[in-house]
């Protein structure tokens, strides 16, 4: 079988595709609510994937040229481009590591390189496109094989298998779901697993300790005291939370304080929050319930060292409406003094 150029057995691009040296016609699609419902999950997944790929490409380029990109500008420009190109029949595009590194290796290190790249492609489309019909499909296949091999990143994939097990799990699940089903499902499930593992890591890093005897002031950075040790009075316990106070830790802390037997339960509980960077709605709700239940049992709860950010969150949630302002102390020595007042003992007696 001969192709359009009289050469037998060699298909060219012109044999398979109809190429025109002009811009595609502008077609504004008809947008309906049903169409939005159908495409929104896929569009959301592609947007996340495109953002990750573009920022990854920019980060790699930063490391090569010792520069710093503007993430907001990258994503806004990409979003605008991906909103316009479909009108001309285009598909979503992202920053590509292959083209970026090709630019850098050939001396392109500024945004001008990307602009010149786009202009050259436009000129090829408008002027040189008829010559593309002469390109053999076999040659194009060879180019695609090399590009696919370079994009596979099997060395990187092999290196990632040495990472922590949680990261390897996300990698393998996303990889096999991409091969078996499609990229959309793989990214959605991969993100869910990654979020769950991240929450697990945060829960493991948050610690809750109980102090019943004394506190060494040399280990404290939020107060100025002169005693060798801060003694904790009897019938008083200090609970220190080190890490974010969110729903995963709130239940753990709730169980720790409420599961104490009546003989071990202190009459004053001091909750140190100097190392709590943030608190979520579940944490606020559990803390409010805890204070209310202890108040019904005649147990005083004192908050110590609340950070400004957490304080603003508690105030916004009207948490302090349920708590006496005298029970909120700036640091631990003030909280211990308040505890001694509630217990009716002096510092020497404590």
C-alpha atoms as a PDB file:
ATOM      1  CA  UNK A   1       0.000   0.000   0.000  1.00  0.00           C
ATOM      2  CA  UNK A   2       1.390   3.363  -1.034  1.00  0.00           C
ATOM      3  CA  UNK A   3       0.965   6.516   0.984  1.00  0.00           C
ATOM      4  CA  UNK A   4       0.137   9.960  -0.381  1.00  0.00           C
ATOM      5  CA  UNK A   5       3.756  10.525  -1.365  1.00  0.00           C
ATOM      6  CA  UNK A   6       4.045   7.326  -3.391  1.00  0.00           C
ATOM      7  CA  UNK A   7       6.220   5.565  -0.820  1.00  0.00           C
ATOM      8  CA  UNK A   8       5.073   2.049  -0.104  1.00  0.00           C
ATOM      9  CA  UNK A   9       4.776   0.763   3.443  1.00  0.00           C
ATOM     10  CA  UNK A  10       5.600   3.990   5.297  1.00  0.00           C
ATOM     11  CA  UNK A  11       2.703   5.904   6.838  1.00  0.00           C
ATOM     12  CA  UNK A  12       3.149   9.583   7.531  1.00  0.00           C
ATOM     13  CA  UNK A  13       1.280  11.990   9.763  1.00  0.00           C
ATOM     14  CA  UNK A  14      -0.565  13.242   6.674  1.00  0.00           C
ATOM     15  CA  UNK A  15      -1.955   9.734   6.087  1.00  0.00           C
ATOM     16  CA  UNK A  16      -3.461   9.529   9.549  1.00  0.00           C
ATOM     17  CA  UNK A  17      -4.419  13.103  10.384  1.00  0.00           C
ATOM     18  CA  UNK A  18      -5.758  16.158   8.614  1.00  0.00           C
ATOM     19  CA  UNK A  19      -3.458  19.082   9.423  1.00  0.00           C
ATOM     20  CA  UNK A  20      -4.264  22.729   8.784  1.00  0.00           C
ATOM     21  CA  UNK A  21      -1.904  25.679   9.143  1.00  0.00           C
ATOM     22  CA  UNK A  22      -4.333  27.804  11.098  1.00  0.00           C
ATOM     23  CA  UNK A  23      -5.683  28.289  14.577  1.00  0.00           C
ATOM     24  CA  UNK A  24      -8.701  26.179  15.499  1.00  0.00           C
ATOM     25  CA  UNK A  25     -12.055  27.904  15.430  1.00  0.00           C
ATOM     26  CA  UNK A  26     -13.297  29.341  18.703  1.00  0.00           C
ATOM     27  CA  UNK A  27     -16.212  27.338  20.055  1.00  0.00           C
ATOM     28  CA  UNK A  28     -17.864  28.312  23.327  1.00  0.00           C
ATOM     29  CA  UNK A  29     -19.327  25.147  24.889  1.00  0.00           C
ATOM     30  CA  UNK A  30     -22.864  25.011  26.196  1.00  0.00           C
ATOM     31  CA  UNK A  31     -22.655  24.804  29.974  1.00  0.00           C
ATOM     32  CA  UNK A  32     -25.479  23.103  31.848  1.00  0.00           C
ATOM     33  CA  UNK A  33     -25.907  22.117  35.466  1.00  0.00           C
ATOM     34  CA  UNK A  34     -25.856  18.417  34.523  1.00  0.00           C
ATOM     35  CA  UNK A  35     -22.575  18.925  32.651  1.00  0.00           C
ATOM     36  CA  UNK A  36     -21.050  20.677  35.677  1.00  0.00           C
ATOM     37  CA  UNK A  37     -22.119  17.817  37.948  1.00  0.00           C
ATOM     38  CA  UNK A  38     -20.519  15.309  35.591  1.00  0.00           C
ATOM     39  CA  UNK A  39     -17.237  17.114  35.021  1.00  0.00           C
ATOM     40  CA  UNK A  40     -16.643  18.753  38.422  1.00  0.00           C
ATOM     41  CA  UNK A  41     -15.004  15.740  40.172  1.00  0.00           C
ATOM     42  CA  UNK A  42     -12.762  15.076  37.170  1.00  0.00           C
ATOM     43  CA  UNK A  43     -11.918  18.783  36.774  1.00  0.00           C
ATOM     44  CA  UNK A  44     -11.064  19.038  40.467  1.00  0.00           C
ATOM     45  CA  UNK A  45      -8.729  16.047  40.249  1.00  0.00           C
ATOM     46  CA  UNK A  46      -7.013  17.338  37.113  1.00  0.00           C
ATOM     47  CA  UNK A  47      -6.604  20.783  38.703  1.00  0.00           C
ATOM     48  CA  UNK A  48      -4.892  19.303  41.775  1.00  0.00           C
ATOM     49  CA  UNK A  49      -2.695  17.072  39.644  1.00  0.00           C
ATOM     50  CA  UNK A  50      -1.782  19.983  37.356  1.00  0.00           C
ATOM     51  CA  UNK A  51      -0.938  22.219  40.305  1.00  0.00           C
ATOM     52  CA  UNK A  52       1.272  19.557  41.890  1.00  0.00           C
ATOM     53  CA  UNK A  53       3.097  18.853  38.622  1.00  0.00           C
ATOM     54  CA  UNK A  54       3.629  22.542  37.839  1.00  0.00           C
ATOM     55  CA  UNK A  55       4.927  23.395  41.313  1.00  0.00           C
ATOM     56  CA  UNK A  56       7.152  20.317  41.272  1.00  0.00           C
ATOM     57  CA  UNK A  57       8.582  21.423  37.926  1.00  0.00           C
ATOM     58  CA  UNK A  58       9.137  24.942  39.273  1.00  0.00           C
ATOM     59  CA  UNK A  59      10.820  23.602  42.417  1.00  0.00           C
ATOM     60  CA  UNK A  60      13.186  21.429  40.376  1.00  0.00           C
ATOM     61  CA  UNK A  61      14.040  24.434  38.200  1.00  0.00           C
ATOM     62  CA  UNK A  62      14.688  26.538  41.317  1.00  0.00           C
ATOM     63  CA  UNK A  63      17.233  24.021  42.524  1.00  0.00           C
ATOM     64  CA  UNK A  64      19.046  24.024  39.183  1.00  0.00           C
ATOM     65  CA  UNK A  65      19.203  27.785  38.588  1.00  0.00           C
ATOM     66  CA  UNK A  66      19.345  28.827  42.290  1.00  0.00           C
ATOM     67  CA  UNK A  67      16.212  30.964  42.080  1.00  0.00           C
ATOM     68  CA  UNK A  68      12.778  31.173  43.734  1.00  0.00           C
ATOM     69  CA  UNK A  69       9.511  30.971  41.821  1.00  0.00           C
ATOM     70  CA  UNK A  70       6.206  32.631  42.690  1.00  0.00           C
ATOM     71  CA  UNK A  71       3.762  29.784  43.333  1.00  0.00           C
ATOM     72  CA  UNK A  72       0.698  32.040  43.182  1.00  0.00           C
ATOM     73  CA  UNK A  73       1.696  33.418  39.791  1.00  0.00           C
ATOM     74  CA  UNK A  74       2.406  29.921  38.466  1.00  0.00           C
ATOM     75  CA  UNK A  75      -1.001  28.583  39.448  1.00  0.00           C
ATOM     76  CA  UNK A  76      -2.963  31.677  38.373  1.00  0.00           C
ATOM     77  CA  UNK A  77      -1.284  31.690  34.956  1.00  0.00           C
ATOM     78  CA  UNK A  78      -1.915  27.984  34.543  1.00  0.00           C
ATOM     79  CA  UNK A  79      -5.557  28.380  35.549  1.00  0.00           C
ATOM     80  CA  UNK A  80      -6.165  31.229  33.104  1.00  0.00           C
ATOM     81  CA  UNK A  81      -4.510  29.282  30.280  1.00  0.00           C
ATOM     82  CA  UNK A  82      -6.537  26.150  30.986  1.00  0.00           C
ATOM     83  CA  UNK A  83      -9.759  28.181  30.981  1.00  0.00           C
ATOM     84  CA  UNK A  84      -8.993  29.715  27.558  1.00  0.00           C
ATOM     85  CA  UNK A  85      -7.446  26.831  25.611  1.00  0.00           C
ATOM     86  CA  UNK A  86     -10.556  24.565  25.640  1.00  0.00           C
ATOM     87  CA  UNK A  87     -12.418  27.252  23.701  1.00  0.00           C
ATOM     88  CA  UNK A  88      -9.948  26.588  20.853  1.00  0.00           C
ATOM     89  CA  UNK A  89     -10.070  22.815  21.237  1.00  0.00           C
ATOM     90  CA  UNK A  90      -7.083  22.568  23.553  1.00  0.00           C
ATOM     91  CA  UNK A  91      -6.559  20.253  26.504  1.00  0.00           C
ATOM     92  CA  UNK A  92      -5.364  21.056  30.072  1.00  0.00           C
ATOM     93  CA  UNK A  93      -1.645  21.790  30.262  1.00  0.00           C
ATOM     94  CA  UNK A  94       0.831  22.011  33.123  1.00  0.00           C
ATOM     95  CA  UNK A  95       4.428  22.963  33.644  1.00  0.00           C
ATOM     96  CA  UNK A  96       6.487  20.018  32.379  1.00  0.00           C
ATOM     97  CA  UNK A  97       9.820  18.981  33.846  1.00  0.00           C
ATOM     98  CA  UNK A  98      11.052  17.636  30.477  1.00  0.00           C
ATOM     99  CA  UNK A  99      10.556  20.919  28.584  1.00  0.00           C
ATOM    100  CA  UNK A 100      11.705  22.982  31.564  1.00  0.00           C
ATOM    101  CA  UNK A 101      14.990  21.107  31.866  1.00  0.00           C
ATOM    102  CA  UNK A 102      15.475  21.276  28.093  1.00  0.00           C
ATOM    103  CA  UNK A 103      15.128  25.052  28.280  1.00  0.00           C
ATOM    104  CA  UNK A 104      17.554  25.302  31.196  1.00  0.00           C
ATOM    105  CA  UNK A 105      20.125  23.023  29.579  1.00  0.00           C
ATOM    106  CA  UNK A 106      20.061  25.263  26.499  1.00  0.00           C
ATOM    107  CA  UNK A 107      20.521  28.486  28.462  1.00  0.00           C
ATOM    108  CA  UNK A 108      16.909  29.489  29.109  1.00  0.00           C
ATOM    109  CA  UNK A 109      16.675  30.584  32.749  1.00  0.00           C
ATOM    110  CA  UNK A 110      14.012  33.319  32.770  1.00  0.00           C
ATOM    111  CA  UNK A 111      10.300  33.554  31.913  1.00  0.00           C
ATOM    112  CA  UNK A 112      11.372  34.923  28.514  1.00  0.00           C
ATOM    113  CA  UNK A 113      12.415  31.376  27.583  1.00  0.00           C
ATOM    114  CA  UNK A 114       8.851  30.148  28.083  1.00  0.00           C
ATOM    115  CA  UNK A 115       7.453  33.030  26.038  1.00  0.00           C
ATOM    116  CA  UNK A 116       9.866  32.328  23.160  1.00  0.00           C
ATOM    117  CA  UNK A 117       8.932  28.650  23.362  1.00  0.00           C
ATOM    118  CA  UNK A 118       5.246  29.504  22.958  1.00  0.00           C
ATOM    119  CA  UNK A 119       5.909  31.935  20.075  1.00  0.00           C
ATOM    120  CA  UNK A 120       8.030  29.376  18.204  1.00  0.00           C
ATOM    121  CA  UNK A 121       5.309  26.749  18.561  1.00  0.00           C
ATOM    122  CA  UNK A 122       2.774  29.249  17.224  1.00  0.00           C
ATOM    123  CA  UNK A 123       4.986  29.973  14.204  1.00  0.00           C
ATOM    124  CA  UNK A 124       5.402  26.251  13.554  1.00  0.00           C
ATOM    125  CA  UNK A 125       1.629  25.858  13.669  1.00  0.00           C
ATOM    126  CA  UNK A 126       0.943  28.735  11.271  1.00  0.00           C
ATOM    127  CA  UNK A 127       3.919  28.447   8.870  1.00  0.00           C
ATOM    128  CA  UNK A 128       5.585  25.042   9.065  1.00  0.00           C
ATOM    129  CA  UNK A 129       2.592  22.820   9.780  1.00  0.00           C
ATOM    130  CA  UNK A 130       2.259  21.584   6.134  1.00  0.00           C
ATOM    131  CA  UNK A 131       5.766  20.121   6.365  1.00  0.00           C
ATOM    132  CA  UNK A 132       4.697  18.062   9.370  1.00  0.00           C
ATOM    133  CA  UNK A 133       2.717  15.859   6.986  1.00  0.00           C
ATOM    134  CA  UNK A 134       6.026  14.441   5.755  1.00  0.00           C
ATOM    135  CA  UNK A 135       7.040  13.127   9.187  1.00  0.00           C
ATOM    136  CA  UNK A 136       6.831   9.295   9.183  1.00  0.00           C
ATOM    137  CA  UNK A 137       4.694   7.760  11.894  1.00  0.00           C
ATOM    138  CA  UNK A 138       7.575   5.412  12.711  1.00  0.00           C
ATOM    139  CA  UNK A 139       9.832   8.387  13.465  1.00  0.00           C
ATOM    140  CA  UNK A 140       7.134   9.952  15.608  1.00  0.00           C
ATOM    141  CA  UNK A 141       6.698   6.636  17.440  1.00  0.00           C
ATOM    142  CA  UNK A 142      10.420   6.528  18.165  1.00  0.00           C
ATOM    143  CA  UNK A 143      10.298  10.048  19.595  1.00  0.00           C
ATOM    144  CA  UNK A 144       7.308   9.136  21.776  1.00  0.00           C
ATOM    145  CA  UNK A 145       9.096   6.036  23.062  1.00  0.00           C
ATOM    146  CA  UNK A 146      12.096   8.105  24.160  1.00  0.00           C
ATOM    147  CA  UNK A 147       9.848  10.755  25.713  1.00  0.00           C
ATOM    148  CA  UNK A 148       7.837   8.083  27.554  1.00  0.00           C
ATOM    149  CA  UNK A 149      11.011   6.469  28.850  1.00  0.00           C
ATOM    150  CA  UNK A 150      12.358   9.792  30.094  1.00  0.00           C
ATOM    151  CA  UNK A 151       9.027  10.631  31.720  1.00  0.00           C
ATOM    152  CA  UNK A 152       8.678   7.231  33.413  1.00  0.00           C
ATOM    153  CA  UNK A 153      11.290   8.205  35.994  1.00  0.00           C
ATOM    154  CA  UNK A 154      11.926   4.596  36.967  1.00  0.00           C
ATOM    155  CA  UNK A 155      15.102   5.571  38.814  1.00  0.00           C
ATOM    156  CA  UNK A 156      13.126   8.073  40.876  1.00  0.00           C
ATOM    157  CA  UNK A 157      10.418   5.451  41.420  1.00  0.00           C
ATOM    158  CA  UNK A 158      13.048   2.989  42.638  1.00  0.00           C
ATOM    159  CA  UNK A 159      14.499   5.598  44.974  1.00  0.00           C
ATOM    160  CA  UNK A 160      11.070   6.444  46.413  1.00  0.00           C
ATOM    161  CA  UNK A 161      10.640   2.824  47.499  1.00  0.00           C
ATOM    162  CA  UNK A 162      13.283   3.527  50.166  1.00  0.00           C
ATOM    163  CA  UNK A 163      11.086   6.192  51.790  1.00  0.00           C
ATOM    164  CA  UNK A 164       8.900   5.558  54.869  1.00  0.00           C
ATOM    165  CA  UNK A 165       6.316   2.804  54.487  1.00  0.00           C
ATOM    166  CA  UNK A 166       3.413   5.239  54.531  1.00  0.00           C
ATOM    167  CA  UNK A 167       4.797   7.148  51.541  1.00  0.00           C
ATOM    168  CA  UNK A 168       5.552   3.916  49.690  1.00  0.00           C
ATOM    169  CA  UNK A 169       1.978   2.754  50.328  1.00  0.00           C
ATOM    170  CA  UNK A 170       0.538   5.916  48.765  1.00  0.00           C
ATOM    171  CA  UNK A 171       2.939   5.599  45.822  1.00  0.00           C
ATOM    172  CA  UNK A 172       2.137   1.953  45.064  1.00  0.00           C
ATOM    173  CA  UNK A 173      -1.627   2.327  45.511  1.00  0.00           C
ATOM    174  CA  UNK A 174      -1.717   5.349  43.199  1.00  0.00           C
ATOM    175  CA  UNK A 175       0.548   3.633  40.671  1.00  0.00           C
ATOM    176  CA  UNK A 176      -1.469   0.417  40.412  1.00  0.00           C
ATOM    177  CA  UNK A 177      -4.814   2.242  40.376  1.00  0.00           C
ATOM    178  CA  UNK A 178      -3.512   4.361  37.492  1.00  0.00           C
ATOM    179  CA  UNK A 179      -2.527   1.233  35.549  1.00  0.00           C
ATOM    180  CA  UNK A 180      -5.655  -0.791  36.366  1.00  0.00           C
ATOM    181  CA  UNK A 181      -8.304   1.959  36.233  1.00  0.00           C
ATOM    182  CA  UNK A 182      -7.423   5.559  35.362  1.00  0.00           C
ATOM    183  CA  UNK A 183      -5.540   8.563  36.672  1.00  0.00           C
ATOM    184  CA  UNK A 184      -8.645  10.282  38.078  1.00  0.00           C
ATOM    185  CA  UNK A 185      -9.536   7.416  40.424  1.00  0.00           C
ATOM    186  CA  UNK A 186      -5.884   6.930  41.391  1.00  0.00           C
ATOM    187  CA  UNK A 187      -5.373  10.567  42.388  1.00  0.00           C
ATOM    188  CA  UNK A 188      -8.648  10.737  44.369  1.00  0.00           C
ATOM    189  CA  UNK A 189      -7.926   7.585  46.379  1.00  0.00           C
ATOM    190  CA  UNK A 190      -4.248   8.503  46.730  1.00  0.00           C
ATOM    191  CA  UNK A 191      -5.151  11.887  48.218  1.00  0.00           C
ATOM    192  CA  UNK A 192      -7.560  10.278  50.686  1.00  0.00           C
ATOM    193  CA  UNK A 193      -4.923   7.768  51.843  1.00  0.00           C
ATOM    194  CA  UNK A 194      -2.275  10.510  52.078  1.00  0.00           C
ATOM    195  CA  UNK A 195      -4.585  12.678  54.209  1.00  0.00           C
ATOM    196  CA  UNK A 196      -5.391   9.764  56.528  1.00  0.00           C
ATOM    197  CA  UNK A 197      -1.711   8.925  56.971  1.00  0.00           C
ATOM    198  CA  UNK A 198      -0.895  12.595  57.603  1.00  0.00           C
ATOM    199  CA  UNK A 199      -3.506  12.754  60.377  1.00  0.00           C
ATOM    200  CA  UNK A 200      -2.030   9.580  61.869  1.00  0.00           C
ATOM    201  CA  UNK A 201       1.444  11.137  61.853  1.00  0.00           C
ATOM    202  CA  UNK A 202       0.203  14.298  63.555  1.00  0.00           C
ATOM    203  CA  UNK A 203      -1.545  12.204  66.204  1.00  0.00           C
ATOM    204  CA  UNK A 204       1.684  10.318  66.867  1.00  0.00           C
ATOM    205  CA  UNK A 205       3.681  13.531  67.264  1.00  0.00           C
ATOM    206  CA  UNK A 206       1.246  15.063  69.782  1.00  0.00           C
ATOM    207  CA  UNK A 207       2.085  14.060  73.338  1.00  0.00           C
ATOM    208  CA  UNK A 208       0.049  14.382  76.535  1.00  0.00           C
ATOM    209  CA  UNK A 209       1.967  14.184  79.812  1.00  0.00           C
ATOM    210  CA  UNK A 210       0.742  14.231  83.423  1.00  0.00           C
ATOM    211  CA  UNK A 211       2.850  15.949  86.123  1.00  0.00           C
ATOM    212  CA  UNK A 212       1.944  15.414  89.795  1.00  0.00           C
ATOM    213  CA  UNK A 213       5.086  16.212  91.781  1.00  0.00           C
ATOM    214  CA  UNK A 214       7.205  19.166  90.680  1.00  0.00           C
ATOM    215  CA  UNK A 215       8.250  21.234  87.664  1.00  0.00           C
ATOM    216  CA  UNK A 216      11.840  22.257  86.996  1.00  0.00           C
ATOM    217  CA  UNK A 217      11.853  25.999  86.116  1.00  0.00           C
ATOM    218  CA  UNK A 218      15.098  25.562  84.142  1.00  0.00           C
ATOM    219  CA  UNK A 219      13.058  23.707  81.520  1.00  0.00           C
ATOM    220  CA  UNK A 220      10.492  26.470  81.283  1.00  0.00           C
ATOM    221  CA  UNK A 221      10.732  29.299  78.765  1.00  0.00           C
ATOM    222  CA  UNK A 222       7.395  30.982  79.447  1.00  0.00           C
ATOM    223  CA  UNK A 223       7.972  32.261  82.994  1.00  0.00           C
ATOM    224  CA  UNK A 224      10.459  34.011  85.255  1.00  0.00           C
ATOM    225  CA  UNK A 225      10.743  32.356  88.669  1.00  0.00           C
ATOM    226  CA  UNK A 226      13.519  31.938  91.208  1.00  0.00           C
ATOM    227  CA  UNK A 227      12.516  28.743  93.004  1.00  0.00           C
ATOM    228  CA  UNK A 228      14.630  25.685  92.399  1.00  0.00           C
ATOM    229  CA  UNK A 229      11.503  23.691  91.669  1.00  0.00           C
ATOM    230  CA  UNK A 230       7.815  24.474  91.349  1.00  0.00           C
ATOM    231  CA  UNK A 231       6.040  22.101  93.697  1.00  0.00           C
ATOM    232  CA  UNK A 232       2.617  20.868  92.663  1.00  0.00           C
ATOM    233  CA  UNK A 233       0.195  20.740  95.616  1.00  0.00           C
ATOM    234  CA  UNK A 234      -1.559  17.552  96.572  1.00  0.00           C
ATOM    235  CA  UNK A 235      -4.968  17.078  94.954  1.00  0.00           C
ATOM    236  CA  UNK A 236      -3.632  18.958  91.910  1.00  0.00           C
ATOM    237  CA  UNK A 237      -2.414  17.590  88.564  1.00  0.00           C
ATOM    238  CA  UNK A 238      -0.804  19.307  85.598  1.00  0.00           C
ATOM    239  CA  UNK A 239      -1.599  18.044  82.104  1.00  0.00           C
ATOM    240  CA  UNK A 240       0.663  19.285  79.321  1.00  0.00           C
ATOM    241  CA  UNK A 241      -0.318  18.999  75.655  1.00  0.00           C
ATOM    242  CA  UNK A 242       2.593  19.131  73.232  1.00  0.00           C
ATOM    243  CA  UNK A 243       1.241  19.406  69.690  1.00  0.00           C
ATOM    244  CA  UNK A 244      -1.944  20.367  67.828  1.00  0.00           C
ATOM    245  CA  UNK A 245      -5.194  19.806  69.724  1.00  0.00           C
ATOM    246  CA  UNK A 246      -7.543  18.430  67.085  1.00  0.00           C
ATOM    247  CA  UNK A 247     -10.165  15.696  66.905  1.00  0.00           C
ATOM    248  CA  UNK A 248      -7.641  12.844  66.934  1.00  0.00           C
ATOM    249  CA  UNK A 249      -6.061  14.010  70.200  1.00  0.00           C
ATOM    250  CA  UNK A 250      -9.161  15.505  71.812  1.00  0.00           C
ATOM    251  CA  UNK A 251     -10.717  12.105  72.448  1.00  0.00           C
ATOM    252  CA  UNK A 252      -7.430  10.736  73.784  1.00  0.00           C
ATOM    253  CA  UNK A 253      -7.052  13.646  76.209  1.00  0.00           C
ATOM    254  CA  UNK A 254     -10.712  13.392  77.174  1.00  0.00           C
ATOM    255  CA  UNK A 255     -10.311   9.717  78.058  1.00  0.00           C
ATOM    256  CA  UNK A 256      -7.110  10.376  80.018  1.00  0.00           C
ATOM    257  CA  UNK A 257      -8.773  12.897  82.318  1.00  0.00           C
ATOM    258  CA  UNK A 258     -12.162  11.252  82.731  1.00  0.00           C
ATOM    259  CA  UNK A 259     -11.011   7.662  83.220  1.00  0.00           C
ATOM    260  CA  UNK A 260      -9.182   8.455  86.455  1.00  0.00           C
ATOM    261  CA  UNK A 261     -10.644   6.743  89.481  1.00  0.00           C
ATOM    262  CA  UNK A 262     -12.332   8.903  92.109  1.00  0.00           C
ATOM    263  CA  UNK A 263      -9.433   8.285  94.526  1.00  0.00           C
ATOM    264  CA  UNK A 264      -6.856   9.533  92.031  1.00  0.00           C
ATOM    265  CA  UNK A 265      -8.917  12.351  90.552  1.00  0.00           C
ATOM    266  CA  UNK A 266      -7.458  15.722  91.597  1.00  0.00           C
ATOM    267  CA  UNK A 267      -9.552  18.634  92.802  1.00  0.00           C
ATOM    268  CA  UNK A 268      -7.643  21.057  90.566  1.00  0.00           C
ATOM    269  CA  UNK A 269      -6.580  20.264  87.013  1.00  0.00           C
ATOM    270  CA  UNK A 270      -4.150  22.549  85.190  1.00  0.00           C
ATOM    271  CA  UNK A 271      -4.046  22.201  81.407  1.00  0.00           C
ATOM    272  CA  UNK A 272      -0.855  23.634  79.931  1.00  0.00           C
ATOM    273  CA  UNK A 273      -1.384  24.727  76.327  1.00  0.00           C
ATOM    274  CA  UNK A 274       1.832  26.652  75.697  1.00  0.00           C
ATOM    275  CA  UNK A 275       2.897  24.106  73.035  1.00  0.00           C
ATOM    276  CA  UNK A 276      -0.460  23.836  71.274  1.00  0.00           C
ATOM    277  CA  UNK A 277      -0.110  25.576  67.868  1.00  0.00           C
ATOM    278  CA  UNK A 278      -3.791  25.280  66.923  1.00  0.00           C
ATOM    279  CA  UNK A 279      -7.091  23.799  68.043  1.00  0.00           C
ATOM    280  CA  UNK A 280     -10.031  22.717  65.890  1.00  0.00           C
ATOM    281  CA  UNK A 281     -13.775  22.728  66.558  1.00  0.00           C
ATOM    282  CA  UNK A 282     -13.761  19.186  67.942  1.00  0.00           C
ATOM    283  CA  UNK A 283     -10.985  20.078  70.361  1.00  0.00           C
ATOM    284  CA  UNK A 284     -12.891  23.175  71.534  1.00  0.00           C
ATOM    285  CA  UNK A 285     -16.079  21.130  71.955  1.00  0.00           C
ATOM    286  CA  UNK A 286     -14.341  18.381  73.958  1.00  0.00           C
ATOM    287  CA  UNK A 287     -12.511  20.906  76.114  1.00  0.00           C
ATOM    288  CA  UNK A 288     -15.790  22.718  76.873  1.00  0.00           C
ATOM    289  CA  UNK A 289     -17.526  19.444  77.775  1.00  0.00           C
ATOM    290  CA  UNK A 290     -14.603  18.469  79.972  1.00  0.00           C
ATOM    291  CA  UNK A 291     -14.722  21.748  81.894  1.00  0.00           C
ATOM    292  CA  UNK A 292     -18.495  21.510  82.292  1.00  0.00           C
ATOM    293  CA  UNK A 293     -18.362  17.924  83.624  1.00  0.00           C
ATOM    294  CA  UNK A 294     -15.554  18.756  86.054  1.00  0.00           C
ATOM    295  CA  UNK A 295     -17.439  21.835  87.231  1.00  0.00           C
ATOM    296  CA  UNK A 296     -20.446  19.642  88.079  1.00  0.00           C
ATOM    297  CA  UNK A 297     -18.130  17.440  90.178  1.00  0.00           C
ATOM    298  CA  UNK A 298     -16.592  20.432  91.955  1.00  0.00           C
ATOM    299  CA  UNK A 299     -13.244  20.150  90.152  1.00  0.00           C
ATOM    300  CA  UNK A 300     -11.497  23.363  89.109  1.00  0.00           C
ATOM    301  CA  UNK A 301      -9.932  23.454  85.635  1.00  0.00           C
ATOM    302  CA  UNK A 302      -7.223  26.045  84.922  1.00  0.00           C
ATOM    303  CA  UNK A 303      -5.825  26.847  81.489  1.00  0.00           C
ATOM    304  CA  UNK A 304      -2.159  27.861  81.452  1.00  0.00           C
ATOM    305  CA  UNK A 305      -0.039  29.458  78.730  1.00  0.00           C
ATOM    306  CA  UNK A 306      -2.627  29.568  75.944  1.00  0.00           C
ATOM    307  CA  UNK A 307      -0.899  30.780  72.770  1.00  0.00           C
ATOM    308  CA  UNK A 308      -2.283  33.902  71.047  1.00  0.00           C
ATOM    309  CA  UNK A 309      -3.534  31.918  68.033  1.00  0.00           C
ATOM    310  CA  UNK A 310      -5.357  29.352  70.167  1.00  0.00           C
ATOM    311  CA  UNK A 311      -6.661  32.146  72.412  1.00  0.00           C
ATOM    312  CA  UNK A 312      -8.181  33.875  69.363  1.00  0.00           C
ATOM    313  CA  UNK A 313      -9.823  30.630  68.244  1.00  0.00           C
ATOM    314  CA  UNK A 314     -11.291  30.007  71.704  1.00  0.00           C
ATOM    315  CA  UNK A 315     -12.529  33.576  71.939  1.00  0.00           C
ATOM    316  CA  UNK A 316     -14.132  33.391  68.490  1.00  0.00           C
ATOM    317  CA  UNK A 317     -15.956  30.202  69.500  1.00  0.00           C
ATOM    318  CA  UNK A 318     -17.271  31.929  72.695  1.00  0.00           C
ATOM    319  CA  UNK A 319     -15.450  29.296  74.749  1.00  0.00           C
ATOM    320  CA  UNK A 320     -14.638  31.744  77.542  1.00  0.00           C
ATOM    321  CA  UNK A 321     -18.356  32.361  78.131  1.00  0.00           C
ATOM    322  CA  UNK A 322     -18.434  28.950  79.838  1.00  0.00           C
ATOM    323  CA  UNK A 323     -15.334  29.546  81.952  1.00  0.00           C
ATOM    324  CA  UNK A 324     -14.398  31.910  84.748  1.00  0.00           C
ATOM    325  CA  UNK A 325     -11.740  34.397  83.520  1.00  0.00           C
ATOM    326  CA  UNK A 326      -9.829  33.780  86.774  1.00  0.00           C
ATOM    327  CA  UNK A 327      -9.190  30.219  85.571  1.00  0.00           C
ATOM    328  CA  UNK A 328      -7.080  31.438  82.639  1.00  0.00           C
ATOM    329  CA  UNK A 329      -3.419  32.073  83.531  1.00  0.00           C
ATOM    330  CA  UNK A 330      -0.532  33.353  81.409  1.00  0.00           C
ATOM    331  CA  UNK A 331       1.976  30.771  82.664  1.00  0.00           C
ATOM    332  CA  UNK A 332       2.423  27.859  85.057  1.00  0.00           C
ATOM    333  CA  UNK A 333       3.618  29.655  88.191  1.00  0.00           C
ATOM    334  CA  UNK A 334       0.492  31.844  88.160  1.00  0.00           C
ATOM    335  CA  UNK A 335      -1.629  28.737  87.534  1.00  0.00           C
ATOM    336  CA  UNK A 336      -0.050  26.935  90.507  1.00  0.00           C
ATOM    337  CA  UNK A 337      -0.661  29.953  92.737  1.00  0.00           C
ATOM    338  CA  UNK A 338      -4.299  29.943  91.637  1.00  0.00           C
ATOM    339  CA  UNK A 339      -4.500  26.207  92.377  1.00  0.00           C
ATOM    340  CA  UNK A 340      -3.179  26.768  95.915  1.00  0.00           C
ATOM    341  CA  UNK A 341      -5.858  29.398  96.448  1.00  0.00           C
ATOM    342  CA  UNK A 342      -8.560  26.962  95.359  1.00  0.00           C
ATOM    343  CA  UNK A 343      -7.152  24.265  97.642  1.00  0.00           C
ATOM    344  CA  UNK A 344      -6.713  26.688 100.539  1.00  0.00           C
ATOM    345  CA  UNK A 345      -3.015  25.952 101.118  1.00  0.00           C
ATOM    346  CA  UNK A 346       0.072  28.153 101.150  1.00  0.00           C
ATOM    347  CA  UNK A 347       3.174  27.608  99.060  1.00  0.00           C
ATOM    348  CA  UNK A 348       5.051  26.298 102.102  1.00  0.00           C
ATOM    349  CA  UNK A 349       2.251  23.840 102.919  1.00  0.00           C
ATOM    350  CA  UNK A 350       2.175  22.696  99.296  1.00  0.00           C
END
